[in-house]
C-alpha cells in the first residue's frame, strides 16, 4: 500500500508539472483516476455514484490548482485518504438531504390531511460551488453528450416529458451545476422525480461512457 501511495504521489507531481488542459496532464489525471477507483470507499446507497462523480470533479479541480477547495498536499496524507475524506462528506450530505426531503414529504402529507388543501413544498438539494474552468475530462464528456450520435440520450426521457431527457439533464448537471431546485422549477417536476430518473437512467449511461474512456 505504501508503494501504491507513493506511485500516486509521483503521478500527481508529474501531472501538475504540465499546464492545465494539456494532453500530458489529461493522460496522467486519467491514469490516477483509473488506479484510484478500486481503492476508494464503497457503500451500497442509491446516491453513491452521484457522490463519486462529485469526488472526481473535485479531484480534477483541486489536485493541482485548488480551484474550488484546498489544493492537495501530500504531507497531510495519501491521495486515497484525501479522496475518501471528500467522498464520505458528500455521502453524508446526500444522506442528510434525503432525510430532509423525506421529512418535508411527511410534513406536507400531514398538512394536506389536516387542511384538505393541496400545496407543494420543495426542499432544495445543495450543490458544490461551480468552477469557471472546466477540466479537459469534462470537455470530452460534454462533447459526447452534445453529439449524442445514436440519439440514445435524447431518446431516454421522463414519461410524458420528452424535453426532460438524459442529454438535457446531464448537461445541466455538469459544472457549473444547475441545482435540482432550479430544474424542478424549470420543468415543473418534483426534485425526487428528476433525481430518481437521473440516477436510474442517466448515470448508468454516464458510467458506461466513463468506462469506455478508461476513466473508471
N, C-alpha and C. Protein backbone atom coordinates (compact mmCIF):
# COMPACT_ATOMS: atom_id res chain seq x y z
N UNK A 1 0.83 -1.21 0.00
CA UNK A 1 0.00 0.00 0.00
C UNK A 1 0.87 1.26 0.00
N UNK A 2 1.97 1.21 0.74
CA UNK A 2 2.88 2.36 0.79
C UNK A 2 3.45 2.63 -0.59
N UNK A 3 3.81 1.56 -1.29
CA UNK A 3 4.35 1.70 -2.63
C UNK A 3 3.31 2.28 -3.58
N UNK A 4 2.05 1.84 -3.42
CA UNK A 4 0.96 2.35 -4.26
C UNK A 4 0.74 3.84 -4.01
N UNK A 5 0.71 4.23 -2.74
CA UNK A 5 0.53 5.64 -2.39
C UNK A 5 1.65 6.50 -2.98
N UNK A 6 2.86 5.99 -2.92
CA UNK A 6 3.98 6.73 -3.47
C UNK A 6 3.87 6.86 -4.98
N UNK A 7 3.36 5.80 -5.62
CA UNK A 7 3.14 5.85 -7.08
C UNK A 7 2.15 6.95 -7.44
N UNK A 8 1.06 7.05 -6.67
CA UNK A 8 0.07 8.09 -6.93
C UNK A 8 0.65 9.48 -6.69
N UNK A 9 1.43 9.64 -5.63
CA UNK A 9 2.05 10.94 -5.36
C UNK A 9 2.95 11.37 -6.52
N UNK A 10 3.69 10.42 -7.05
CA UNK A 10 4.59 10.74 -8.17
C UNK A 10 3.79 11.13 -9.41
N UNK A 11 2.70 10.44 -9.64
CA UNK A 11 1.85 10.75 -10.80
C UNK A 11 1.22 12.13 -10.66
N UNK A 12 0.79 12.46 -9.43
CA UNK A 12 0.20 13.78 -9.18
C UNK A 12 1.25 14.86 -9.42
N UNK A 13 2.44 14.66 -8.90
CA UNK A 13 3.52 15.64 -9.08
C UNK A 13 3.82 15.83 -10.56
N UNK A 14 3.86 14.72 -11.30
CA UNK A 14 4.15 14.80 -12.74
C UNK A 14 3.02 15.50 -13.48
N UNK A 15 1.77 15.17 -13.12
CA UNK A 15 0.61 15.78 -13.78
C UNK A 15 0.58 17.28 -13.57
N UNK A 16 0.85 17.70 -12.34
CA UNK A 16 0.80 19.12 -12.02
C UNK A 16 1.96 19.90 -12.62
N UNK A 17 2.95 19.18 -13.12
CA UNK A 17 4.06 19.84 -13.80
C UNK A 17 3.72 20.25 -15.21
N UNK A 18 2.58 19.76 -15.73
CA UNK A 18 2.13 20.14 -17.07
C UNK A 18 1.04 21.20 -16.95
N UNK A 19 0.86 21.98 -17.98
CA UNK A 19 -0.11 23.08 -17.93
C UNK A 19 -1.54 22.54 -17.88
N UNK A 20 -2.46 23.27 -17.25
CA UNK A 20 -3.86 22.85 -17.18
C UNK A 20 -4.46 22.64 -18.57
N UNK A 21 -5.17 21.53 -18.75
CA UNK A 21 -5.83 21.24 -20.01
C UNK A 21 -4.94 20.61 -21.06
N UNK A 22 -3.66 20.45 -20.76
CA UNK A 22 -2.74 19.86 -21.74
C UNK A 22 -2.98 18.36 -21.87
N UNK A 23 -2.69 17.78 -23.03
CA UNK A 23 -2.86 16.32 -23.21
C UNK A 23 -2.04 15.52 -22.20
N UNK A 24 -0.86 16.03 -21.87
CA UNK A 24 0.00 15.32 -20.91
C UNK A 24 -0.66 15.24 -19.53
N UNK A 25 -1.20 16.39 -19.06
CA UNK A 25 -1.87 16.36 -17.75
C UNK A 25 -3.12 15.50 -17.83
N UNK A 26 -3.88 15.64 -18.90
CA UNK A 26 -5.11 14.86 -19.08
C UNK A 26 -4.83 13.37 -18.97
N UNK A 27 -3.81 12.91 -19.63
CA UNK A 27 -3.46 11.49 -19.63
C UNK A 27 -3.09 11.02 -18.24
N UNK A 28 -2.32 11.82 -17.51
CA UNK A 28 -1.89 11.44 -16.17
C UNK A 28 -3.05 11.46 -15.17
N UNK A 29 -3.94 12.46 -15.27
CA UNK A 29 -5.10 12.51 -14.39
C UNK A 29 -6.00 11.30 -14.61
N UNK A 30 -6.17 10.94 -15.87
CA UNK A 30 -6.97 9.76 -16.20
C UNK A 30 -6.35 8.51 -15.60
N UNK A 31 -5.03 8.42 -15.65
CA UNK A 31 -4.33 7.26 -15.09
C UNK A 31 -4.51 7.21 -13.56
N UNK A 32 -4.45 8.36 -12.91
CA UNK A 32 -4.64 8.42 -11.45
C UNK A 32 -6.06 7.99 -11.09
N UNK A 33 -7.04 8.47 -11.85
CA UNK A 33 -8.44 8.10 -11.59
C UNK A 33 -8.63 6.60 -11.74
N UNK A 34 -8.04 6.03 -12.79
CA UNK A 34 -8.18 4.60 -13.06
C UNK A 34 -7.56 3.78 -11.93
N UNK A 35 -6.39 4.20 -11.44
CA UNK A 35 -5.72 3.47 -10.38
C UNK A 35 -6.44 3.63 -9.03
N UNK A 36 -7.00 4.80 -8.80
CA UNK A 36 -7.61 5.10 -7.51
C UNK A 36 -9.00 4.50 -7.34
N UNK A 37 -9.71 4.30 -8.45
CA UNK A 37 -11.12 3.93 -8.40
C UNK A 37 -11.39 2.71 -7.52
N UNK A 38 -10.56 1.68 -7.63
CA UNK A 38 -10.80 0.43 -6.91
C UNK A 38 -10.43 0.53 -5.43
N UNK A 39 -9.75 1.61 -5.03
CA UNK A 39 -9.29 1.76 -3.65
C UNK A 39 -10.18 2.68 -2.82
N UNK A 40 -11.17 3.31 -3.47
CA UNK A 40 -11.99 4.27 -2.74
C UNK A 40 -13.05 3.58 -1.89
N UNK A 41 -13.53 4.33 -0.91
CA UNK A 41 -14.60 3.87 -0.03
C UNK A 41 -15.82 3.50 -0.86
N UNK A 42 -16.47 2.39 -0.51
CA UNK A 42 -17.66 1.95 -1.23
C UNK A 42 -18.79 1.66 -0.25
N UNK A 43 -20.00 1.97 -0.65
CA UNK A 43 -21.17 1.59 0.13
C UNK A 43 -22.37 1.47 -0.79
N UNK A 44 -23.32 0.66 -0.38
CA UNK A 44 -24.49 0.38 -1.21
C UNK A 44 -25.62 1.35 -0.91
N UNK A 45 -25.53 2.54 -1.49
CA UNK A 45 -26.58 3.55 -1.33
C UNK A 45 -26.96 4.07 -2.71
N UNK A 46 -28.21 4.49 -2.90
CA UNK A 46 -28.67 4.95 -4.22
C UNK A 46 -27.96 6.19 -4.73
N UNK A 47 -27.35 6.95 -3.82
CA UNK A 47 -26.70 8.19 -4.21
C UNK A 47 -25.17 8.07 -4.27
N UNK A 48 -24.65 6.85 -4.14
CA UNK A 48 -23.19 6.67 -4.12
C UNK A 48 -22.54 7.15 -5.42
N UNK A 49 -23.11 6.78 -6.56
CA UNK A 49 -22.50 7.16 -7.84
C UNK A 49 -22.51 8.67 -8.05
N UNK A 50 -23.54 9.33 -7.56
CA UNK A 50 -23.59 10.80 -7.65
C UNK A 50 -22.48 11.41 -6.81
N UNK A 51 -22.28 10.86 -5.61
CA UNK A 51 -21.22 11.36 -4.73
C UNK A 51 -19.85 11.07 -5.33
N UNK A 52 -19.71 9.91 -5.96
CA UNK A 52 -18.43 9.56 -6.60
C UNK A 52 -18.13 10.50 -7.76
N UNK A 53 -19.17 10.82 -8.54
CA UNK A 53 -18.99 11.75 -9.66
C UNK A 53 -18.50 13.11 -9.15
N UNK A 54 -19.08 13.58 -8.06
CA UNK A 54 -18.67 14.85 -7.48
C UNK A 54 -17.23 14.78 -6.97
N UNK A 55 -16.85 13.61 -6.46
CA UNK A 55 -15.48 13.42 -5.97
C UNK A 55 -14.47 13.54 -7.10
N UNK A 56 -14.77 12.93 -8.25
CA UNK A 56 -13.84 13.03 -9.39
C UNK A 56 -13.76 14.47 -9.91
N UNK A 57 -14.90 15.18 -9.89
CA UNK A 57 -14.88 16.58 -10.30
C UNK A 57 -13.99 17.39 -9.35
N UNK A 58 -14.15 17.11 -8.06
CA UNK A 58 -13.34 17.80 -7.05
C UNK A 58 -11.86 17.51 -7.27
N UNK A 59 -11.56 16.26 -7.56
CA UNK A 59 -10.17 15.86 -7.81
C UNK A 59 -9.58 16.66 -8.98
N UNK A 60 -10.30 16.72 -10.09
CA UNK A 60 -9.79 17.42 -11.28
C UNK A 60 -9.60 18.91 -11.02
N UNK A 61 -10.46 19.49 -10.20
CA UNK A 61 -10.39 20.93 -9.96
C UNK A 61 -9.30 21.33 -8.95
N UNK A 62 -8.99 20.41 -8.02
CA UNK A 62 -8.19 20.82 -6.88
C UNK A 62 -6.88 20.08 -6.69
N UNK A 63 -6.61 19.05 -7.45
CA UNK A 63 -5.39 18.30 -7.22
C UNK A 63 -4.14 19.13 -7.53
N UNK A 64 -4.26 20.04 -8.46
CA UNK A 64 -3.09 20.87 -8.83
C UNK A 64 -3.28 22.35 -8.49
N UNK A 65 -4.45 22.92 -8.82
CA UNK A 65 -4.63 24.36 -8.66
C UNK A 65 -5.49 24.78 -7.47
N UNK A 66 -6.31 23.91 -6.93
CA UNK A 66 -7.19 24.30 -5.84
C UNK A 66 -8.23 25.30 -6.29
N UNK A 67 -8.99 24.95 -7.36
CA UNK A 67 -9.95 25.90 -7.95
C UNK A 67 -11.19 26.10 -7.08
N UNK A 68 -11.65 25.04 -6.42
CA UNK A 68 -12.87 25.15 -5.61
C UNK A 68 -12.66 24.72 -4.17
N UNK A 69 -11.47 24.33 -3.81
CA UNK A 69 -11.19 23.88 -2.45
C UNK A 69 -9.70 23.95 -2.17
N UNK A 70 -9.30 23.31 -1.09
CA UNK A 70 -7.88 23.33 -0.74
C UNK A 70 -7.10 22.38 -1.64
N UNK A 71 -6.02 22.87 -2.18
CA UNK A 71 -5.19 22.08 -3.08
C UNK A 71 -4.64 20.84 -2.35
N UNK A 72 -4.48 19.74 -3.08
CA UNK A 72 -3.97 18.52 -2.47
C UNK A 72 -2.54 18.73 -1.95
N UNK A 73 -2.31 18.31 -0.71
CA UNK A 73 -0.99 18.43 -0.08
C UNK A 73 -0.59 17.04 0.41
N UNK A 74 0.42 16.46 -0.21
CA UNK A 74 0.84 15.10 0.11
C UNK A 74 1.38 14.96 1.53
N UNK A 75 1.78 16.07 2.14
CA UNK A 75 2.33 15.98 3.50
C UNK A 75 1.24 15.67 4.54
N UNK A 76 -0.03 15.87 4.15
CA UNK A 76 -1.13 15.61 5.07
C UNK A 76 -1.77 14.24 4.88
N UNK A 77 -1.33 13.50 3.88
CA UNK A 77 -1.90 12.18 3.66
C UNK A 77 -1.83 11.76 2.20
N UNK A 78 -2.23 10.52 1.94
CA UNK A 78 -2.18 9.97 0.59
C UNK A 78 -3.32 10.52 -0.26
N UNK A 79 -3.22 10.30 -1.56
CA UNK A 79 -4.29 10.71 -2.49
C UNK A 79 -5.59 10.00 -2.13
N UNK A 80 -5.51 8.70 -1.81
CA UNK A 80 -6.69 7.92 -1.47
C UNK A 80 -7.35 8.46 -0.21
N UNK A 81 -6.55 8.80 0.79
CA UNK A 81 -7.09 9.37 2.04
C UNK A 81 -7.80 10.68 1.76
N UNK A 82 -7.20 11.51 0.93
CA UNK A 82 -7.78 12.81 0.56
C UNK A 82 -9.10 12.63 -0.17
N UNK A 83 -9.14 11.72 -1.14
CA UNK A 83 -10.36 11.49 -1.91
C UNK A 83 -11.45 10.85 -1.05
N UNK A 84 -11.07 9.90 -0.21
CA UNK A 84 -12.05 9.24 0.65
C UNK A 84 -12.69 10.21 1.63
N UNK A 85 -11.90 11.13 2.15
CA UNK A 85 -12.43 12.12 3.09
C UNK A 85 -13.50 12.97 2.40
N UNK A 86 -13.21 13.38 1.16
CA UNK A 86 -14.18 14.19 0.42
C UNK A 86 -15.41 13.37 0.06
N UNK A 87 -15.20 12.13 -0.41
CA UNK A 87 -16.30 11.25 -0.81
C UNK A 87 -17.25 11.00 0.36
N UNK A 88 -16.71 10.75 1.54
CA UNK A 88 -17.55 10.49 2.72
C UNK A 88 -18.34 11.72 3.12
N UNK A 89 -17.76 12.91 2.93
CA UNK A 89 -18.51 14.14 3.23
C UNK A 89 -19.68 14.30 2.28
N UNK A 90 -19.45 13.98 1.00
CA UNK A 90 -20.53 14.10 0.02
C UNK A 90 -21.63 13.07 0.29
N UNK A 91 -21.24 11.87 0.68
CA UNK A 91 -22.23 10.84 1.02
C UNK A 91 -23.06 11.29 2.21
N UNK A 92 -22.41 11.91 3.18
CA UNK A 92 -23.14 12.42 4.34
C UNK A 92 -24.11 13.52 3.93
N UNK A 93 -23.68 14.38 3.00
CA UNK A 93 -24.57 15.44 2.51
C UNK A 93 -25.81 14.85 1.84
N UNK A 94 -25.59 13.84 0.98
CA UNK A 94 -26.71 13.20 0.30
C UNK A 94 -27.66 12.55 1.31
N UNK A 95 -27.08 11.91 2.33
CA UNK A 95 -27.89 11.25 3.36
C UNK A 95 -28.76 12.28 4.09
N UNK A 96 -28.15 13.40 4.46
CA UNK A 96 -28.88 14.46 5.16
C UNK A 96 -29.98 15.03 4.28
N UNK A 97 -29.65 15.31 3.01
CA UNK A 97 -30.63 15.88 2.10
C UNK A 97 -31.79 14.91 1.84
N UNK A 98 -31.46 13.63 1.74
CA UNK A 98 -32.50 12.62 1.52
C UNK A 98 -33.47 12.59 2.69
N UNK A 99 -32.94 12.64 3.90
CA UNK A 99 -33.79 12.64 5.09
C UNK A 99 -34.61 13.92 5.19
N UNK A 100 -34.02 15.04 4.77
CA UNK A 100 -34.76 16.30 4.77
C UNK A 100 -35.93 16.24 3.80
N UNK A 101 -35.69 15.64 2.62
CA UNK A 101 -36.75 15.52 1.63
C UNK A 101 -37.87 14.62 2.14
N UNK A 102 -37.48 13.52 2.83
CA UNK A 102 -38.49 12.62 3.40
C UNK A 102 -39.31 13.34 4.46
N UNK A 103 -38.61 14.11 5.30
CA UNK A 103 -39.31 14.85 6.36
C UNK A 103 -40.26 15.87 5.77
N UNK A 104 -39.83 16.53 4.68
CA UNK A 104 -40.68 17.51 4.01
C UNK A 104 -41.92 16.84 3.44
N UNK A 105 -41.73 15.66 2.83
CA UNK A 105 -42.86 14.93 2.25
C UNK A 105 -43.86 14.53 3.31
N UNK A 106 -43.35 14.02 4.45
CA UNK A 106 -44.23 13.62 5.55
C UNK A 106 -44.99 14.83 6.08
N UNK A 107 -44.25 15.95 6.27
CA UNK A 107 -44.88 17.17 6.78
C UNK A 107 -45.95 17.67 5.83
N UNK A 108 -45.67 17.57 4.52
CA UNK A 108 -46.62 18.02 3.50
C UNK A 108 -47.89 17.19 3.56
N UNK A 109 -47.72 15.86 3.68
CA UNK A 109 -48.89 14.98 3.74
C UNK A 109 -49.73 15.26 4.97
N UNK A 110 -49.06 15.55 6.09
CA UNK A 110 -49.78 15.85 7.33
C UNK A 110 -50.60 17.13 7.16
N UNK A 111 -49.96 18.16 6.55
CA UNK A 111 -50.66 19.43 6.34
C UNK A 111 -51.84 19.25 5.40
N UNK A 112 -51.65 18.43 4.36
CA UNK A 112 -52.72 18.20 3.40
C UNK A 112 -53.88 17.48 4.04
N UNK A 113 -53.57 16.49 4.90
CA UNK A 113 -54.63 15.69 5.51
C UNK A 113 -55.41 16.49 6.55
N UNK A 114 -54.73 17.48 7.17
CA UNK A 114 -55.41 18.26 8.20
C UNK A 114 -56.12 19.49 7.63
N UNK A 115 -55.59 20.03 6.52
CA UNK A 115 -56.19 21.25 5.97
C UNK A 115 -57.12 20.96 4.81
N UNK A 116 -56.91 19.80 4.15
CA UNK A 116 -57.75 19.48 3.00
C UNK A 116 -57.36 20.23 1.76
N UNK A 117 -56.26 21.00 1.83
CA UNK A 117 -55.79 21.76 0.67
C UNK A 117 -54.55 21.11 0.11
N UNK A 118 -54.30 21.29 -1.19
CA UNK A 118 -53.12 20.74 -1.86
C UNK A 118 -52.09 21.83 -2.03
N UNK A 119 -50.88 21.57 -1.56
CA UNK A 119 -49.79 22.52 -1.72
C UNK A 119 -48.52 21.73 -1.98
N UNK A 120 -47.48 22.40 -2.37
CA UNK A 120 -46.22 21.74 -2.67
C UNK A 120 -45.07 22.47 -2.01
N UNK A 121 -44.24 21.73 -1.31
CA UNK A 121 -43.06 22.30 -0.65
C UNK A 121 -41.83 21.58 -1.17
N UNK A 122 -40.86 22.32 -1.64
CA UNK A 122 -39.65 21.71 -2.18
C UNK A 122 -38.46 22.11 -1.32
N UNK A 123 -37.74 21.11 -0.86
CA UNK A 123 -36.55 21.35 -0.06
C UNK A 123 -35.34 21.29 -0.98
N UNK A 124 -34.60 22.37 -1.17
CA UNK A 124 -33.51 22.37 -2.14
C UNK A 124 -32.36 21.45 -1.76
N UNK A 125 -31.74 20.83 -2.76
CA UNK A 125 -30.56 20.00 -2.57
C UNK A 125 -29.34 20.86 -2.83
N UNK A 126 -28.44 20.91 -1.87
CA UNK A 126 -27.26 21.76 -2.00
C UNK A 126 -26.33 21.23 -3.08
N UNK A 127 -25.60 22.13 -3.72
CA UNK A 127 -24.66 21.75 -4.77
C UNK A 127 -23.26 22.26 -4.47
N UNK A 128 -22.30 21.65 -5.11
CA UNK A 128 -20.92 22.11 -4.98
C UNK A 128 -20.77 23.47 -5.66
N UNK A 129 -19.87 24.30 -5.18
CA UNK A 129 -19.61 25.57 -5.87
C UNK A 129 -19.14 25.32 -7.29
N UNK A 130 -19.61 26.13 -8.21
CA UNK A 130 -19.25 25.94 -9.61
C UNK A 130 -17.88 26.55 -9.90
N UNK A 131 -17.17 25.94 -10.82
CA UNK A 131 -15.88 26.46 -11.24
C UNK A 131 -15.96 26.98 -12.67
N UNK A 132 -15.44 28.18 -12.95
CA UNK A 132 -15.50 28.70 -14.31
C UNK A 132 -14.59 27.95 -15.27
N UNK A 133 -13.62 27.16 -14.72
CA UNK A 133 -12.70 26.44 -15.58
C UNK A 133 -13.10 24.96 -15.62
N UNK A 134 -13.27 24.42 -16.81
CA UNK A 134 -13.70 23.04 -16.96
C UNK A 134 -12.51 22.17 -17.35
N UNK A 135 -12.18 21.12 -16.55
CA UNK A 135 -11.08 20.23 -16.90
C UNK A 135 -11.31 19.55 -18.23
N UNK A 136 -10.22 19.13 -18.89
CA UNK A 136 -10.32 18.51 -20.21
C UNK A 136 -11.18 17.27 -20.19
N UNK A 137 -11.16 16.50 -19.09
CA UNK A 137 -12.00 15.31 -18.98
C UNK A 137 -13.46 15.69 -19.16
N UNK A 138 -13.87 16.80 -18.56
CA UNK A 138 -15.25 17.25 -18.65
C UNK A 138 -15.58 17.79 -20.03
N UNK A 139 -14.59 18.37 -20.69
CA UNK A 139 -14.81 18.86 -22.05
C UNK A 139 -15.14 17.69 -22.97
N UNK A 140 -14.40 16.58 -22.82
CA UNK A 140 -14.67 15.39 -23.62
C UNK A 140 -16.07 14.86 -23.34
N UNK A 141 -16.44 14.87 -22.07
CA UNK A 141 -17.76 14.39 -21.68
C UNK A 141 -18.86 15.25 -22.29
N UNK A 142 -18.66 16.57 -22.23
CA UNK A 142 -19.66 17.48 -22.77
C UNK A 142 -19.83 17.30 -24.27
N UNK A 143 -18.73 17.08 -24.98
CA UNK A 143 -18.80 16.84 -26.43
C UNK A 143 -19.60 15.58 -26.71
N UNK A 144 -19.34 14.52 -25.92
CA UNK A 144 -20.06 13.26 -26.10
C UNK A 144 -21.56 13.45 -25.88
N UNK A 145 -21.93 14.18 -24.84
CA UNK A 145 -23.34 14.39 -24.52
C UNK A 145 -24.02 15.22 -25.60
N UNK A 146 -23.38 16.29 -26.03
CA UNK A 146 -23.98 17.18 -27.02
C UNK A 146 -24.12 16.49 -28.38
N UNK A 147 -23.12 15.68 -28.73
CA UNK A 147 -23.16 14.98 -30.02
C UNK A 147 -24.25 13.92 -30.02
N UNK A 148 -24.28 13.08 -28.98
CA UNK A 148 -25.30 12.03 -28.84
C UNK A 148 -25.56 11.36 -30.19
N UNK A 149 -24.51 10.79 -30.77
CA UNK A 149 -24.54 10.30 -32.14
C UNK A 149 -25.64 9.28 -32.42
N UNK A 150 -25.97 8.43 -31.44
CA UNK A 150 -27.00 7.43 -31.68
C UNK A 150 -28.37 7.85 -31.15
N UNK A 151 -28.46 9.05 -30.59
CA UNK A 151 -29.74 9.57 -30.12
C UNK A 151 -30.25 8.91 -28.85
N UNK A 152 -29.41 8.11 -28.20
CA UNK A 152 -29.86 7.38 -27.00
C UNK A 152 -30.18 8.33 -25.85
N UNK A 153 -29.36 9.36 -25.66
CA UNK A 153 -29.58 10.28 -24.55
C UNK A 153 -30.86 11.09 -24.74
N UNK A 154 -31.08 11.57 -25.97
CA UNK A 154 -32.31 12.33 -26.26
C UNK A 154 -33.54 11.44 -26.18
N UNK A 155 -33.35 10.17 -26.53
CA UNK A 155 -34.48 9.24 -26.56
C UNK A 155 -34.83 8.65 -25.20
N UNK A 156 -34.02 8.96 -24.19
CA UNK A 156 -34.29 8.46 -22.84
C UNK A 156 -34.82 9.62 -22.02
N UNK A 157 -36.14 9.63 -21.78
CA UNK A 157 -36.74 10.78 -21.10
C UNK A 157 -37.83 10.35 -20.12
N UNK A 158 -38.19 11.28 -19.25
CA UNK A 158 -39.26 11.02 -18.29
C UNK A 158 -40.58 10.90 -19.06
N UNK A 159 -41.35 9.88 -18.73
CA UNK A 159 -42.59 9.60 -19.44
C UNK A 159 -43.49 10.83 -19.52
N UNK A 160 -43.86 11.17 -20.74
CA UNK A 160 -44.72 12.33 -20.95
C UNK A 160 -43.97 13.64 -21.03
N UNK A 161 -42.62 13.58 -20.88
CA UNK A 161 -41.82 14.81 -20.90
C UNK A 161 -40.57 14.59 -21.76
N UNK A 162 -40.73 14.50 -23.08
CA UNK A 162 -39.57 14.26 -23.96
C UNK A 162 -38.51 15.34 -23.88
N UNK A 163 -38.89 16.53 -23.39
CA UNK A 163 -37.90 17.60 -23.25
C UNK A 163 -37.03 17.42 -22.02
N UNK A 164 -37.43 16.53 -21.12
CA UNK A 164 -36.64 16.25 -19.92
C UNK A 164 -35.96 14.90 -20.13
N UNK A 165 -34.88 14.93 -20.89
CA UNK A 165 -34.18 13.70 -21.25
C UNK A 165 -32.76 13.68 -20.67
N UNK A 166 -32.07 12.55 -20.87
CA UNK A 166 -30.73 12.40 -20.30
C UNK A 166 -29.73 13.40 -20.87
N UNK A 167 -29.87 13.75 -22.14
CA UNK A 167 -28.95 14.72 -22.71
C UNK A 167 -29.08 16.06 -21.99
N UNK A 168 -30.31 16.50 -21.81
CA UNK A 168 -30.57 17.79 -21.15
C UNK A 168 -30.10 17.77 -19.70
N UNK A 169 -30.44 16.71 -18.98
CA UNK A 169 -30.13 16.66 -17.55
C UNK A 169 -28.63 16.53 -17.28
N UNK A 170 -27.95 15.70 -18.08
CA UNK A 170 -26.50 15.56 -17.88
C UNK A 170 -25.80 16.89 -18.13
N UNK A 171 -26.18 17.58 -19.20
CA UNK A 171 -25.58 18.88 -19.50
C UNK A 171 -25.88 19.89 -18.38
N UNK A 172 -27.09 19.83 -17.84
CA UNK A 172 -27.46 20.75 -16.76
C UNK A 172 -26.66 20.47 -15.49
N UNK A 173 -26.29 19.20 -15.28
CA UNK A 173 -25.60 18.82 -14.04
C UNK A 173 -24.08 18.90 -14.15
N UNK A 174 -23.57 19.19 -15.36
CA UNK A 174 -22.13 19.41 -15.50
C UNK A 174 -21.79 20.79 -14.94
N UNK A 175 -20.55 20.99 -14.49
CA UNK A 175 -20.14 22.29 -13.96
C UNK A 175 -20.32 23.40 -14.99
N UNK A 176 -20.88 24.57 -14.62
CA UNK A 176 -21.43 24.87 -13.29
C UNK A 176 -22.82 24.23 -13.14
N UNK A 177 -23.00 23.37 -12.12
CA UNK A 177 -24.22 22.60 -11.98
C UNK A 177 -25.45 23.47 -11.74
N UNK A 178 -26.56 23.09 -12.40
CA UNK A 178 -27.85 23.70 -12.11
C UNK A 178 -28.46 22.89 -10.97
N UNK A 179 -28.94 23.55 -9.93
CA UNK A 179 -29.45 22.83 -8.76
C UNK A 179 -30.74 22.08 -9.11
N UNK A 180 -31.02 21.04 -8.33
CA UNK A 180 -32.26 20.29 -8.54
C UNK A 180 -33.48 21.19 -8.31
N UNK A 181 -33.35 22.15 -7.40
CA UNK A 181 -34.48 23.07 -7.16
C UNK A 181 -34.78 23.88 -8.43
N UNK A 182 -33.74 24.40 -9.07
CA UNK A 182 -33.93 25.18 -10.29
C UNK A 182 -34.50 24.33 -11.42
N UNK A 183 -34.00 23.08 -11.53
CA UNK A 183 -34.52 22.17 -12.55
C UNK A 183 -35.98 21.83 -12.29
N UNK A 184 -36.32 21.67 -11.02
CA UNK A 184 -37.70 21.38 -10.65
C UNK A 184 -38.63 22.51 -11.08
N UNK A 185 -38.18 23.74 -10.84
CA UNK A 185 -38.98 24.90 -11.23
C UNK A 185 -39.06 25.05 -12.74
N UNK A 186 -37.94 24.76 -13.43
CA UNK A 186 -37.89 24.91 -14.88
C UNK A 186 -38.81 23.92 -15.60
N UNK A 187 -38.80 22.67 -15.14
CA UNK A 187 -39.55 21.63 -15.85
C UNK A 187 -40.90 21.31 -15.21
N UNK A 188 -41.18 21.89 -14.05
CA UNK A 188 -42.45 21.63 -13.39
C UNK A 188 -42.58 20.22 -12.87
N UNK A 189 -41.45 19.63 -12.47
CA UNK A 189 -41.43 18.28 -11.91
C UNK A 189 -40.76 18.31 -10.55
N UNK A 190 -41.14 17.36 -9.68
CA UNK A 190 -40.58 17.36 -8.32
C UNK A 190 -39.11 16.96 -8.33
N UNK A 191 -38.39 17.38 -7.30
CA UNK A 191 -36.98 17.02 -7.16
C UNK A 191 -36.79 15.51 -7.11
N UNK A 192 -37.58 14.76 -6.30
CA UNK A 192 -37.41 13.30 -6.29
C UNK A 192 -37.60 12.66 -7.65
N UNK A 193 -38.56 13.16 -8.43
CA UNK A 193 -38.80 12.60 -9.77
C UNK A 193 -37.60 12.81 -10.67
N UNK A 194 -37.06 14.02 -10.67
CA UNK A 194 -35.90 14.33 -11.51
C UNK A 194 -34.66 13.57 -11.05
N UNK A 195 -34.41 13.60 -9.73
CA UNK A 195 -33.23 12.95 -9.18
C UNK A 195 -33.27 11.43 -9.39
N UNK A 196 -34.44 10.83 -9.19
CA UNK A 196 -34.58 9.38 -9.36
C UNK A 196 -34.35 8.98 -10.81
N UNK A 197 -34.92 9.74 -11.75
CA UNK A 197 -34.73 9.45 -13.17
C UNK A 197 -33.26 9.59 -13.55
N UNK A 198 -32.61 10.62 -13.03
CA UNK A 198 -31.20 10.85 -13.33
C UNK A 198 -30.34 9.68 -12.85
N UNK A 199 -30.61 9.21 -11.64
CA UNK A 199 -29.83 8.11 -11.07
C UNK A 199 -30.10 6.79 -11.78
N UNK A 200 -31.37 6.55 -12.17
CA UNK A 200 -31.73 5.27 -12.77
C UNK A 200 -31.37 5.19 -14.26
N UNK A 201 -31.52 6.30 -14.98
CA UNK A 201 -31.38 6.27 -16.43
C UNK A 201 -30.14 6.99 -16.96
N UNK A 202 -29.81 8.12 -16.38
CA UNK A 202 -28.71 8.93 -16.92
C UNK A 202 -27.35 8.51 -16.39
N UNK A 203 -27.25 8.28 -15.09
CA UNK A 203 -25.96 7.91 -14.51
C UNK A 203 -25.38 6.61 -15.08
N UNK A 204 -26.21 5.55 -15.30
CA UNK A 204 -25.64 4.34 -15.91
C UNK A 204 -25.03 4.60 -17.28
N UNK A 205 -25.64 5.47 -18.07
CA UNK A 205 -25.09 5.80 -19.39
C UNK A 205 -23.83 6.64 -19.26
N UNK A 206 -23.80 7.49 -18.23
CA UNK A 206 -22.62 8.29 -17.95
C UNK A 206 -21.46 7.39 -17.52
N UNK A 207 -21.75 6.40 -16.67
CA UNK A 207 -20.72 5.47 -16.23
C UNK A 207 -20.20 4.62 -17.39
N UNK A 208 -21.10 4.23 -18.30
CA UNK A 208 -20.69 3.43 -19.45
C UNK A 208 -19.69 4.20 -20.31
N UNK A 209 -19.97 5.49 -20.52
CA UNK A 209 -19.05 6.33 -21.29
C UNK A 209 -17.71 6.42 -20.57
N UNK A 210 -17.74 6.64 -19.25
CA UNK A 210 -16.50 6.76 -18.47
C UNK A 210 -15.68 5.47 -18.54
N UNK A 211 -16.36 4.33 -18.51
CA UNK A 211 -15.66 3.05 -18.59
C UNK A 211 -15.02 2.86 -19.95
N UNK A 212 -15.74 3.23 -21.01
CA UNK A 212 -15.20 3.09 -22.36
C UNK A 212 -13.99 4.00 -22.57
N UNK A 213 -14.00 5.14 -21.86
CA UNK A 213 -12.89 6.09 -21.97
C UNK A 213 -11.75 5.75 -21.01
N UNK A 214 -11.96 4.70 -20.19
CA UNK A 214 -10.92 4.30 -19.24
C UNK A 214 -10.85 5.16 -18.00
N UNK A 215 -11.94 5.88 -17.67
CA UNK A 215 -11.93 6.76 -16.51
C UNK A 215 -12.35 6.03 -15.26
N UNK A 216 -13.01 4.88 -15.41
CA UNK A 216 -13.44 4.08 -14.26
C UNK A 216 -12.94 2.66 -14.40
